[in-house]
PDB file of N, CA and C in Angstrom:
ATOM      1  N   MET A   1      -2.892 -14.819   8.631  1.00  0.00           N
ATOM      2  CA  MET A   1      -3.753 -13.791   8.682  1.00  0.00           C
ATOM      3  C   MET A   1      -4.421 -13.601   7.318  1.00  0.00           C
ATOM      4  N   ALA A   2      -5.720 -13.623   7.348  1.00  0.00           N
ATOM      5  CA  ALA A   2      -6.437 -13.364   6.171  1.00  0.00           C
ATOM      6  C   ALA A   2      -6.448 -11.922   5.787  1.00  0.00           C
ATOM      7  N   TYR A   3      -6.676 -11.684   4.472  1.00  0.00           N
ATOM      8  CA  TYR A   3      -6.782 -10.305   4.031  1.00  0.00           C
ATOM      9  C   TYR A   3      -8.242  -9.940   3.758  1.00  0.00           C
ATOM     10  N   ASP A   4      -8.601  -8.582   3.729  1.00  0.00           N
ATOM     11  CA  ASP A   4      -9.872  -8.132   3.462  1.00  0.00           C
ATOM     12  C   ASP A   4      -9.936  -8.313   1.914  1.00  0.00           C
ATOM     13  N   GLU A   5     -10.763  -9.197   1.374  1.00  0.00           N
ATOM     14  CA  GLU A   5     -11.102  -9.436   0.028  1.00  0.00           C
ATOM     15  C   GLU A   5     -11.732  -8.209  -0.730  1.00  0.00           C
ATOM     16  N   GLY A   6     -12.557  -7.671  -0.081  1.00  0.00           N
ATOM     17  CA  GLY A   6     -13.372  -6.411  -0.465  1.00  0.00           C
ATOM     18  C   GLY A   6     -12.320  -5.341  -0.760  1.00  0.00           C
ATOM     19  N   LEU A   7     -11.366  -5.042   0.067  1.00  0.00           N
ATOM     20  CA  LEU A   7     -10.250  -4.052  -0.109  1.00  0.00           C
ATOM     21  C   LEU A   7      -9.442  -4.583  -1.254  1.00  0.00           C
ATOM     22  N   ALA A   8      -9.171  -5.824  -1.312  1.00  0.00           N
ATOM     23  CA  ALA A   8      -8.401  -6.260  -2.478  1.00  0.00           C
ATOM     24  C   ALA A   8      -8.984  -6.047  -3.934  1.00  0.00           C
ATOM     25  N   GLU A   9     -10.356  -6.316  -3.823  1.00  0.00           N
ATOM     26  CA  GLU A   9     -11.195  -6.009  -5.088  1.00  0.00           C
ATOM     27  C   GLU A   9     -10.931  -4.612  -5.496  1.00  0.00           C
ATOM     28  N   ARG A  10     -11.144  -3.728  -4.517  1.00  0.00           N
ATOM     29  CA  ARG A  10     -10.991  -2.331  -4.828  1.00  0.00           C
ATOM     30  C   ARG A  10      -9.574  -1.855  -5.295  1.00  0.00           C
ATOM     31  N   VAL A  11      -8.499  -2.422  -4.731  1.00  0.00           N
ATOM     32  CA  VAL A  11      -7.197  -2.127  -5.263  1.00  0.00           C
ATOM     33  C   VAL A  11      -7.031  -2.584  -6.498  1.00  0.00           C
ATOM     34  N   ASN A  12      -7.645  -4.015  -6.852  1.00  0.00           N
ATOM     35  CA  ASN A  12      -7.546  -4.473  -8.293  1.00  0.00           C
ATOM     36  C   ASN A  12      -8.200  -3.577  -9.145  1.00  0.00           C
ATOM     37  N   ASP A  13      -9.284  -2.905  -8.685  1.00  0.00           N
ATOM     38  CA  ASP A  13     -10.064  -2.006  -9.607  1.00  0.00           C
ATOM     39  C   ASP A  13      -9.282  -0.918 -10.003  1.00  0.00           C
ATOM     40  N   TYR A  14      -8.470  -0.341  -8.929  1.00  0.00           N
ATOM     41  CA  TYR A  14      -7.690   0.848  -9.051  1.00  0.00           C
ATOM     42  C   TYR A  14      -6.493   0.552 -10.290  1.00  0.00           C
ATOM     43  N   PHE A  15      -5.964  -0.592 -10.103  1.00  0.00           N
ATOM     44  CA  PHE A  15      -4.709  -0.942 -11.037  1.00  0.00           C
ATOM     45  C   PHE A  15      -5.225  -1.809 -12.278  1.00  0.00           C
ATOM     46  N   GLN A  16      -6.591  -1.904 -12.539  1.00  0.00           N
ATOM     47  CA  GLN A  16      -7.030  -2.538 -13.611  1.00  0.00           C
ATOM     48  C   GLN A  16      -6.367  -2.066 -15.057  1.00  0.00           C
ATOM     49  N   GLY A  17      -5.883  -3.168 -15.720  1.00  0.00           N
ATOM     50  CA  GLY A  17      -5.363  -2.812 -17.075  1.00  0.00           C
ATOM     51  C   GLY A  17      -3.864  -2.625 -17.142  1.00  0.00           C
ATOM     52  N   ARG A  18      -3.264  -2.683 -15.795  1.00  0.00           N
ATOM     53  CA  ARG A  18      -1.915  -2.400 -15.724  1.00  0.00           C
ATOM     54  C   ARG A  18      -1.083  -3.835 -15.904  1.00  0.00           C
ATOM     55  N   SER A  19      -0.625  -4.190 -16.902  1.00  0.00           N
ATOM     56  CA  SER A  19       0.150  -5.482 -17.089  1.00  0.00           C
ATOM     57  C   SER A  19       1.366  -5.598 -16.126  1.00  0.00           C
ATOM     58  N   GLU A  20       1.944  -4.399 -15.777  1.00  0.00           N
ATOM     59  CA  GLU A  20       3.138  -4.575 -15.043  1.00  0.00           C
ATOM     60  C   GLU A  20       2.850  -4.891 -13.551  1.00  0.00           C
ATOM     61  N   LEU A  21       1.669  -4.922 -13.224  1.00  0.00           N
ATOM     62  CA  LEU A  21       1.270  -5.260 -11.769  1.00  0.00           C
ATOM     63  C   LEU A  21       0.954  -6.781 -11.589  1.00  0.00           C
ATOM     64  N   SER A  22       1.349  -7.234 -10.397  1.00  0.00           N
ATOM     65  CA  SER A  22       1.115  -8.624  -9.984  1.00  0.00           C
ATOM     66  C   SER A  22       0.773  -8.570  -8.424  1.00  0.00           C
ATOM     67  N   ALA A  23       0.067  -9.538  -8.013  1.00  0.00           N
ATOM     68  CA  ALA A  23      -0.314  -9.656  -6.569  1.00  0.00           C
ATOM     69  C   ALA A  23       0.201 -10.958  -6.143  1.00  0.00           C
ATOM     70  N   ARG A  24       0.678 -11.072  -4.864  1.00  0.00           N
ATOM     71  CA  ARG A  24       1.066 -12.286  -4.430  1.00  0.00           C
ATOM     72  C   ARG A  24       0.932 -12.288  -3.042  1.00  0.00           C
ATOM     73  N   ARG A  25       0.680 -13.591  -2.452  1.00  0.00           N
ATOM     74  CA  ARG A  25       0.480 -13.621  -0.936  1.00  0.00           C
ATOM     75  C   ARG A  25       1.876 -13.576  -0.352  1.00  0.00           C
ATOM     76  N   MET A  26       1.889 -12.607   0.505  1.00  0.00           N
ATOM     77  CA  MET A  26       3.226 -12.303   1.418  1.00  0.00           C
ATOM     78  C   MET A  26       2.731 -11.727   2.694  1.00  0.00           C
ATOM     79  N   PHE A  27       3.771 -12.017   3.748  1.00  0.00           N
ATOM     80  CA  PHE A  27       3.616 -11.500   5.134  1.00  0.00           C
ATOM     81  C   PHE A  27       2.201 -11.706   5.725  1.00  0.00           C
ATOM     82  N   GLY A  28       1.634 -12.801   5.333  1.00  0.00           N
ATOM     83  CA  GLY A  28       0.355 -13.296   5.836  1.00  0.00           C
ATOM     84  C   GLY A  28      -0.812 -12.362   5.235  1.00  0.00           C
ATOM     85  N   GLY A  29      -0.585 -11.783   4.140  1.00  0.00           N
ATOM     86  CA  GLY A  29      -1.514 -10.993   3.463  1.00  0.00           C
ATOM     87  C   GLY A  29      -1.507 -11.006   2.037  1.00  0.00           C
ATOM     88  N   LEU A  30      -1.618  -9.781   1.389  1.00  0.00           N
ATOM     89  CA  LEU A  30      -1.658  -9.820  -0.104  1.00  0.00           C
ATOM     90  C   LEU A  30      -0.670  -8.628  -0.455  1.00  0.00           C
ATOM     91  N   CYS A  31       0.362  -8.747  -1.220  1.00  0.00           N
ATOM     92  CA  CYS A  31       1.256  -7.783  -1.575  1.00  0.00           C
ATOM     93  C   CYS A  31       1.227  -7.516  -3.149  1.00  0.00           C
ATOM     94  N   TYR A  32       1.150  -6.156  -3.519  1.00  0.00           N
ATOM     95  CA  TYR A  32       1.050  -5.752  -4.855  1.00  0.00           C
ATOM     96  C   TYR A  32       2.452  -5.421  -5.360  1.00  0.00           C
ATOM     97  N   MET A  33       2.813  -5.920  -6.441  1.00  0.00           N
ATOM     98  CA  MET A  33       4.265  -5.612  -7.046  1.00  0.00           C
ATOM     99  C   MET A  33       4.086  -4.831  -8.362  1.00  0.00           C
ATOM    100  N   LEU A  34       4.696  -3.728  -8.529  1.00  0.00           N
ATOM    101  CA  LEU A  34       4.719  -2.812  -9.842  1.00  0.00           C
ATOM    102  C   LEU A  34       6.002  -2.957 -10.201  1.00  0.00           C
ATOM    103  N   HIS A  35       6.192  -3.518 -11.499  1.00  0.00           N
ATOM    104  CA  HIS A  35       7.555  -3.558 -12.092  1.00  0.00           C
ATOM    105  C   HIS A  35       8.457  -4.289 -11.268  1.00  0.00           C
ATOM    106  N   GLY A  36       8.171  -5.373 -10.364  1.00  0.00           N
ATOM    107  CA  GLY A  36       8.899  -6.048  -9.505  1.00  0.00           C
ATOM    108  C   GLY A  36       9.278  -5.402  -8.301  1.00  0.00           C
ATOM    109  N   HIS A  37       8.842  -4.222  -7.936  1.00  0.00           N
ATOM    110  CA  HIS A  37       8.914  -3.392  -6.689  1.00  0.00           C
ATOM    111  C   HIS A  37       7.575  -3.642  -5.861  1.00  0.00           C
ATOM    112  N   MET A  38       7.813  -3.907  -4.510  1.00  0.00           N
ATOM    113  CA  MET A  38       6.482  -3.972  -3.644  1.00  0.00           C
ATOM    114  C   MET A  38       5.883  -2.469  -3.807  1.00  0.00           C
ATOM    115  N   CYS A  39       4.640  -2.360  -4.101  1.00  0.00           N
ATOM    116  CA  CYS A  39       3.994  -1.069  -4.213  1.00  0.00           C
ATOM    117  C   CYS A  39       2.964  -0.902  -2.902  1.00  0.00           C
ATOM    118  N   CYS A  40       2.277  -1.804  -2.700  1.00  0.00           N
ATOM    119  CA  CYS A  40       1.425  -1.559  -1.475  1.00  0.00           C
ATOM    120  C   CYS A  40       0.865  -3.112  -1.158  1.00  0.00           C
ATOM    121  N   GLY A  41       0.191  -3.244  -0.069  1.00  0.00           N
ATOM    122  CA  GLY A  41      -0.435  -4.498   0.309  1.00  0.00           C
ATOM    123  C   GLY A  41      -1.600  -4.476   1.268  1.00  0.00           C
ATOM    124  N   ILE A  42      -2.068  -5.452   1.680  1.00  0.00           N
ATOM    125  CA  ILE A  42      -3.164  -5.735   2.582  1.00  0.00           C
ATOM    126  C   ILE A  42      -2.813  -6.684   3.584  1.00  0.00           C
ATOM    127  N   LEU A  43      -3.007  -6.231   4.902  1.00  0.00           N
ATOM    128  CA  LEU A  43      -2.671  -7.205   6.052  1.00  0.00           C
ATOM    129  C   LEU A  43      -3.997  -7.106   6.843  1.00  0.00           C
ATOM    130  N   GLY A  44      -4.840  -7.991   6.931  1.00  0.00           N
ATOM    131  CA  GLY A  44      -5.993  -8.126   7.584  1.00  0.00           C
ATOM    132  C   GLY A  44      -6.931  -6.984   6.740  1.00  0.00           C
ATOM    133  N   ASP A  45      -7.541  -6.090   7.495  1.00  0.00           N
ATOM    134  CA  ASP A  45      -8.224  -5.016   6.724  1.00  0.00           C
ATOM    135  C   ASP A  45      -7.452  -3.743   6.787  1.00  0.00           C
ATOM    136  N   THR A  46      -6.128  -3.850   6.737  1.00  0.00           N
ATOM    137  CA  THR A  46      -5.320  -2.523   6.729  1.00  0.00           C
ATOM    138  C   THR A  46      -4.545  -2.336   5.572  1.00  0.00           C
ATOM    139  N   LEU A  47      -4.511  -1.281   4.845  1.00  0.00           N
ATOM    140  CA  LEU A  47      -3.605  -1.132   3.697  1.00  0.00           C
ATOM    141  C   LEU A  47      -2.150  -0.844   4.271  1.00  0.00           C
ATOM    142  N   MET A  48      -1.357  -1.436   3.517  1.00  0.00           N
ATOM    143  CA  MET A  48       0.071  -1.272   3.789  1.00  0.00           C
ATOM    144  C   MET A  48       0.597  -0.434   2.585  1.00  0.00           C
ATOM    145  N   ALA A  49       0.915   0.815   2.868  1.00  0.00           N
ATOM    146  CA  ALA A  49       1.211   1.816   1.727  1.00  0.00           C
ATOM    147  C   ALA A  49       2.843   2.028   1.658  1.00  0.00           C
ATOM    148  N   ARG A  50       3.384   1.855   0.580  1.00  0.00           N
ATOM    149  CA  ARG A  50       4.656   2.147   0.303  1.00  0.00           C
ATOM    150  C   ARG A  50       4.865   3.618  -0.175  1.00  0.00           C
ATOM    151  N   VAL A  51       5.358   4.578   0.582  1.00  0.00           N
ATOM    152  CA  VAL A  51       5.244   5.728   0.202  1.00  0.00           C
ATOM    153  C   VAL A  51       6.586   6.447  -0.057  1.00  0.00           C
ATOM    154  N   GLY A  52       7.711   5.717   0.497  1.00  0.00           N
ATOM    155  CA  GLY A  52       8.920   6.236   0.375  1.00  0.00           C
ATOM    156  C   GLY A  52       9.506   7.123   1.441  1.00  0.00           C
ATOM    157  N   PRO A  53      10.698   7.182   1.561  1.00  0.00           N
ATOM    158  CA  PRO A  53      11.351   7.960   2.853  1.00  0.00           C
ATOM    159  C   PRO A  53      10.966   9.398   2.767  1.00  0.00           C
ATOM    160  N   GLU A  54      10.954   9.953   1.427  1.00  0.00           N
ATOM    161  CA  GLU A  54      10.805  11.458   1.597  1.00  0.00           C
ATOM    162  C   GLU A  54       9.318  11.761   1.911  1.00  0.00           C
ATOM    163  N   GLN A  55       8.202  10.958   1.694  1.00  0.00           N
ATOM    164  CA  GLN A  55       6.935  11.347   2.033  1.00  0.00           C
ATOM    165  C   GLN A  55       6.509  10.694   3.359  1.00  0.00           C
ATOM    166  N   TYR A  56       7.279  10.026   3.881  1.00  0.00           N
ATOM    167  CA  TYR A  56       7.076   9.225   5.179  1.00  0.00           C
ATOM    168  C   TYR A  56       6.446  10.141   6.081  1.00  0.00           C
ATOM    169  N   ALA A  57       7.175  11.219   6.587  1.00  0.00           N
ATOM    170  CA  ALA A  57       6.802  11.935   7.690  1.00  0.00           C
ATOM    171  C   ALA A  57       5.355  12.616   7.369  1.00  0.00           C
ATOM    172  N   ALA A  58       5.422  13.180   6.232  1.00  0.00           N
ATOM    173  CA  ALA A  58       3.992  13.792   5.872  1.00  0.00           C
ATOM    174  C   ALA A  58       2.888  12.852   5.745  1.00  0.00           C
ATOM    175  N   CYS A  59       3.105  11.644   5.300  1.00  0.00           N
ATOM    176  CA  CYS A  59       2.144  10.609   5.354  1.00  0.00           C
ATOM    177  C   CYS A  59       1.544  10.355   6.725  1.00  0.00           C
ATOM    178  N   LEU A  60       2.480  10.323   7.650  1.00  0.00           N
ATOM    179  CA  LEU A  60       2.144   9.937   9.089  1.00  0.00           C
ATOM    180  C   LEU A  60       1.213  10.821   9.689  1.00  0.00           C
ATOM    181  N   GLU A  61       1.227  12.179   9.109  1.00  0.00           N
ATOM    182  CA  GLU A  61       0.506  13.265   9.550  1.00  0.00           C
ATOM    183  C   GLU A  61      -1.027  13.126   9.084  1.00  0.00           C
ATOM    184  N   LEU A  62      -1.223  12.196   8.102  1.00  0.00           N
ATOM    185  CA  LEU A  62      -2.409  12.053   7.477  1.00  0.00           C
ATOM    186  C   LEU A  62      -3.456  11.263   8.503  1.00  0.00           C
ATOM    187  N   PRO A  63      -4.751  11.627   8.505  1.00  0.00           N
ATOM    188  CA  PRO A  63      -5.553  10.756   9.330  1.00  0.00           C
ATOM    189  C   PRO A  63      -5.584   9.271   9.103  1.00  0.00           C
ATOM    190  N   PHE A  64      -5.572   8.507  10.031  1.00  0.00           N
ATOM    191  CA  PHE A  64      -5.751   7.058   9.886  1.00  0.00           C
ATOM    192  C   PHE A  64      -4.390   6.429   9.602  1.00  0.00           C
ATOM    193  N   ALA A  65      -3.242   7.118   9.475  1.00  0.00           N
ATOM    194  CA  ALA A  65      -1.995   6.507   9.024  1.00  0.00           C
ATOM    195  C   ALA A  65      -1.164   6.445  10.321  1.00  0.00           C
ATOM    196  N   ARG A  66      -0.418   5.272  10.282  1.00  0.00           N
ATOM    197  CA  ARG A  66       0.535   5.052  11.580  1.00  0.00           C
ATOM    198  C   ARG A  66       1.740   4.235  10.859  1.00  0.00           C
ATOM    199  N   GLU A  67       2.741   4.312  11.750  1.00  0.00           N
ATOM    200  CA  GLU A  67       4.072   3.633  11.360  1.00  0.00           C
ATOM    201  C   GLU A  67       3.739   2.231  11.147  1.00  0.00           C
ATOM    202  N   MET A  68       4.358   1.633   9.985  1.00  0.00           N
ATOM    203  CA  MET A  68       4.230   0.277   9.753  1.00  0.00           C
ATOM    204  C   MET A  68       5.368  -0.497  10.751  1.00  0.00           C
ATOM    205  N   ASP A  69       4.947  -1.269  11.671  1.00  0.00           N
ATOM    206  CA  ASP A  69       5.937  -1.870  12.583  1.00  0.00           C
ATOM    207  C   ASP A  69       5.884  -3.487  12.598  1.00  0.00           C
ATOM    208  N   PHE A  70       5.635  -3.958  11.360  1.00  0.00           N
ATOM    209  CA  PHE A  70       5.476  -5.324  11.249  1.00  0.00           C
ATOM    210  C   PHE A  70       6.465  -6.179  11.856  1.00  0.00           C
ATOM    211  N   THR A  71       7.611  -5.727  11.848  1.00  0.00           N
ATOM    212  CA  THR A  71       8.773  -6.510  12.431  1.00  0.00           C
ATOM    213  C   THR A  71       9.086  -6.157  13.938  1.00  0.00           C
ATOM    214  N   GLY A  72       8.244  -5.215  14.537  1.00  0.00           N
ATOM    215  CA  GLY A  72       8.392  -4.703  15.740  1.00  0.00           C
ATOM    216  C   GLY A  72       9.243  -3.487  15.788  1.00  0.00           C
ATOM    217  N   LYS A  73       9.667  -2.989  14.708  1.00  0.00           N
ATOM    218  CA  LYS A  73      10.371  -1.696  14.472  1.00  0.00           C
ATOM    219  C   LYS A  73       9.828  -1.064  13.327  1.00  0.00           C
ATOM    220  N   ALA A  74       9.707   0.268  13.460  1.00  0.00           N
ATOM    221  CA  ALA A  74       9.031   1.021  12.229  1.00  0.00           C
ATOM    222  C   ALA A  74      10.016   0.972  11.075  1.00  0.00           C
ATOM    223  N   LEU A  75       9.255   0.654  10.032  1.00  0.00           N
ATOM    224  CA  LEU A  75       9.878   0.572   8.661  1.00  0.00           C
ATOM    225  C   LEU A  75       9.755   2.031   7.976  1.00  0.00           C
ATOM    226  N   THR A  76      10.819   2.733   7.891  1.00  0.00           N
ATOM    227  CA  THR A  76      10.712   4.139   7.156  1.00  0.00           C
ATOM    228  C   THR A  76      10.251   3.922   5.656  1.00  0.00           C
ATOM    229  N   GLY A  77       9.419   4.662   5.228  1.00  0.00           N
ATOM    230  CA  GLY A  77       8.835   4.623   3.868  1.00  0.00           C
ATOM    231  C   GLY A  77       7.650   3.778   3.808  1.00  0.00           C
ATOM    232  N   LEU A  78       7.194   3.026   4.813  1.00  0.00           N
ATOM    233  CA  LEU A  78       6.080   2.222   4.645  1.00  0.00           C
ATOM    234  C   LEU A  78       5.167   2.609   5.892  1.00  0.00           C
ATOM    235  N   VAL A  79       3.865   2.820   5.567  1.00  0.00           N
ATOM    236  CA  VAL A  79       2.806   3.058   6.566  1.00  0.00           C
ATOM    237  C   VAL A  79       1.717   2.189   6.548  1.00  0.00           C
ATOM    238  N   TYR A  80       1.065   1.937   7.696  1.00  0.00           N
ATOM    239  CA  TYR A  80      -0.350   1.372   7.710  1.00  0.00           C
ATOM    240  C   TYR A  80      -1.461   2.404   7.620  1.00  0.00           C
ATOM    241  N   VAL A  81      -2.466   2.104   6.829  1.00  0.00           N
ATOM    242  CA  VAL A  81      -3.580   3.006   6.754  1.00  0.00           C
ATOM    243  C   VAL A  81      -4.878   2.138   7.234  1.00  0.00           C
ATOM    244  N   ALA A  82      -5.460   2.544   8.374  1.00  0.00           N
ATOM    245  CA  ALA A  82      -6.569   1.954   8.916  1.00  0.00           C
ATOM    246  C   ALA A  82      -7.753   1.867   7.938  1.00  0.00           C
ATOM    247  N   PRO A  83      -8.707   1.075   8.130  1.00  0.00           N
ATOM    248  CA  PRO A  83      -9.666   0.857   7.279  1.00  0.00           C
ATOM    249  C   PRO A  83     -10.595   2.239   7.046  1.00  0.00           C
ATOM    250  N   GLU A  84     -10.695   2.961   7.950  1.00  0.00           N
ATOM    251  CA  GLU A  84     -11.362   4.376   8.058  1.00  0.00           C
ATOM    252  C   GLU A  84     -10.719   5.299   7.130  1.00  0.00           C
ATOM    253  N   GLY A  85      -9.465   5.057   6.827  1.00  0.00           N
ATOM    254  CA  GLY A  85      -8.695   5.951   5.917  1.00  0.00           C
ATOM    255  C   GLY A  85      -8.849   5.557   4.394  1.00  0.00           C
ATOM    256  N   VAL A  86      -9.317   4.487   4.149  1.00  0.00           N
ATOM    257  CA  VAL A  86      -9.514   4.010   2.790  1.00  0.00           C
ATOM    258  C   VAL A  86     -11.049   3.529   2.463  1.00  0.00           C
ATOM    259  N   ALA A  87     -11.938   4.231   3.393  1.00  0.00           N
ATOM    260  CA  ALA A  87     -13.276   3.644   3.201  1.00  0.00           C
ATOM    261  C   ALA A  87     -13.892   4.268   2.029  1.00  0.00           C
ATOM    262  N   GLU A  88     -13.568   5.485   1.605  1.00  0.00           N
ATOM    263  CA  GLU A  88     -14.062   6.118   0.406  1.00  0.00           C
ATOM    264  C   GLU A  88     -13.109   5.751  -0.855  1.00  0.00           C
ATOM    265  N   ASP A  89     -13.640   5.587  -2.001  1.00  0.00           N
ATOM    266  CA  ASP A  89     -12.858   5.174  -3.030  1.00  0.00           C
ATOM    267  C   ASP A  89     -11.823   6.279  -3.433  1.00  0.00           C
ATOM    268  N   ALA A  90     -12.085   7.558  -3.287  1.00  0.00           N
ATOM    269  CA  ALA A  90     -11.339   8.609  -3.521  1.00  0.00           C
ATOM    270  C   ALA A  90     -10.001   8.570  -2.478  1.00  0.00           C
ATOM    271  N   ASP A  91     -10.301   8.355  -1.232  1.00  0.00           N
ATOM    272  CA  ASP A  91      -9.223   8.156  -0.358  1.00  0.00           C
ATOM    273  C   ASP A  91      -8.299   7.122  -0.608  1.00  0.00           C
ATOM    274  N   LEU A  92      -8.817   5.918  -0.914  1.00  0.00           N
ATOM    275  CA  LEU A  92      -7.939   4.657  -1.445  1.00  0.00           C
ATOM    276  C   LEU A  92      -7.291   5.055  -2.593  1.00  0.00           C
ATOM    277  N   ALA A  93      -7.891   5.839  -3.577  1.00  0.00           N
ATOM    278  CA  ALA A  93      -7.064   6.111  -4.781  1.00  0.00           C
ATOM    279  C   ALA A  93      -5.887   7.063  -4.506  1.00  0.00           C
ATOM    280  N   ALA A  94      -6.155   7.980  -3.656  1.00  0.00           N
ATOM    281  CA  ALA A  94      -4.939   8.948  -3.209  1.00  0.00           C
ATOM    282  C   ALA A  94      -3.913   8.196  -2.532  1.00  0.00           C
ATOM    283  N   TRP A  95      -4.081   7.231  -1.643  1.00  0.00           N
ATOM    284  CA  TRP A  95      -2.972   6.522  -1.213  1.00  0.00           C
ATOM    285  C   TRP A  95      -2.438   5.403  -2.180  1.00  0.00           C
ATOM    286  N   LEU A  96      -3.095   5.021  -3.000  1.00  0.00           N
ATOM    287  CA  LEU A  96      -2.671   4.038  -4.161  1.00  0.00           C
ATOM    288  C   LEU A  96      -1.735   4.925  -5.078  1.00  0.00           C
ATOM    289  N   ALA A  97      -2.114   6.104  -5.369  1.00  0.00           N
ATOM    290  CA  ALA A  97      -1.406   6.902  -6.385  1.00  0.00           C
ATOM    291  C   ALA A  97      -0.093   7.413  -5.697  1.00  0.00           C
ATOM    292  N   ARG A  98      -0.049   7.656  -4.339  1.00  0.00           N
ATOM    293  CA  ARG A  98       1.168   7.988  -3.615  1.00  0.00           C
ATOM    294  C   ARG A  98       2.132   6.636  -3.656  1.00  0.00           C
ATOM    295  N   CYS A  99       1.642   5.470  -3.551  1.00  0.00           N
ATOM    296  CA  CYS A  99       2.455   4.273  -3.693  1.00  0.00           C
ATOM    297  C   CYS A  99       2.929   4.195  -5.093  1.00  0.00           C
ATOM    298  N   GLU A 100       2.126   4.393  -6.062  1.00  0.00           N
ATOM    299  CA  GLU A 100       2.486   4.213  -7.374  1.00  0.00           C
ATOM    300  C   GLU A 100       3.555   5.235  -7.845  1.00  0.00           C
ATOM    301  N   ALA A 101       3.344   6.278  -7.364  1.00  0.00           N
ATOM    302  CA  ALA A 101       4.345   7.463  -7.715  1.00  0.00           C
ATOM    303  C   ALA A 101       5.684   7.243  -7.225  1.00  0.00           C
ATOM    304  N   PHE A 102       5.754   6.637  -5.855  1.00  0.00           N
ATOM    305  CA  PHE A 102       6.950   6.335  -5.427  1.00  0.00           C
ATOM    306  C   PHE A 102       7.700   5.229  -6.222  1.00  0.00           C
ATOM    307  N   VAL A 103       7.000   4.120  -6.345  1.00  0.00           N
ATOM    308  CA  VAL A 103       7.614   2.978  -7.102  1.00  0.00           C
ATOM    309  C   VAL A 103       7.991   3.337  -8.537  1.00  0.00           C
ATOM    310  N   ARG A 104       7.194   4.100  -9.113  1.00  0.00           N
ATOM    311  CA  ARG A 104       7.531   4.358 -10.531  1.00  0.00           C
ATOM    312  C   ARG A 104       8.979   5.138 -10.590  1.00  0.00           C
ATOM    313  N   GLY A 105       9.247   5.698  -9.473  1.00  0.00           N
ATOM    314  CA  GLY A 105      10.535   6.516  -9.467  1.00  0.00           C
ATOM    315  C   GLY A 105      11.816   5.618  -9.139  1.00  0.00           C
ATOM    316  N   LEU A 106      11.464   4.411  -8.817  1.00  0.00           N
ATOM    317  CA  LEU A 106      12.604   3.455  -8.538  1.00  0.00           C
ATOM    318  C   LEU A 106      13.408   2.996  -9.673  1.00  0.00           C
ATOM    319  N   PRO A 107      14.604   2.666  -9.750  1.00  0.00           N
ATOM    320  CA  PRO A 107      15.242   1.994 -10.909  1.00  0.00           C
ATOM    321  C   PRO A 107      14.587   0.612 -11.358  1.00  0.00           C
ATOM    322  N   PRO A 108      14.665   0.401 -12.421  1.00  0.00           N
ATOM    323  CA  PRO A 108      14.119  -0.871 -12.974  1.00  0.00           C
ATOM    324  C   PRO A 108      14.795  -2.066 -12.219  1.00  0.00           C
ATOM    325  N   LYS A 109      14.023  -3.127 -12.135  1.00  0.00           N
ATOM    326  CA  LYS A 109      14.751  -4.409 -11.618  1.00  0.00           C
ATOM    327  C   LYS A 109      15.021  -5.309 -12.757  1.00  0.00           C
TER     328      LYS A 109
END
């Protein structure tokens, strides 16, 4: 599955200048790693957001968010955000900030 290169460019712009970020192809899409931890990703035209278990339920209440069921089972702490949910730069930035805040709270690898 290819990933939305336009969305990837916007995610790259958000994280610009952060040397601790890397991107790699995973899961048939693109995955962003922050300090070695998965932070977010892009599958097709959908944002995969790692928000953590504490924010999971609240994030599922947000427009255009749904359970990430990549394996056929919902993965707590990860949500999919439909393209409409990240169409505006401010909306994308809000989702990426949630991901970044969760990952920055994880122990170093």
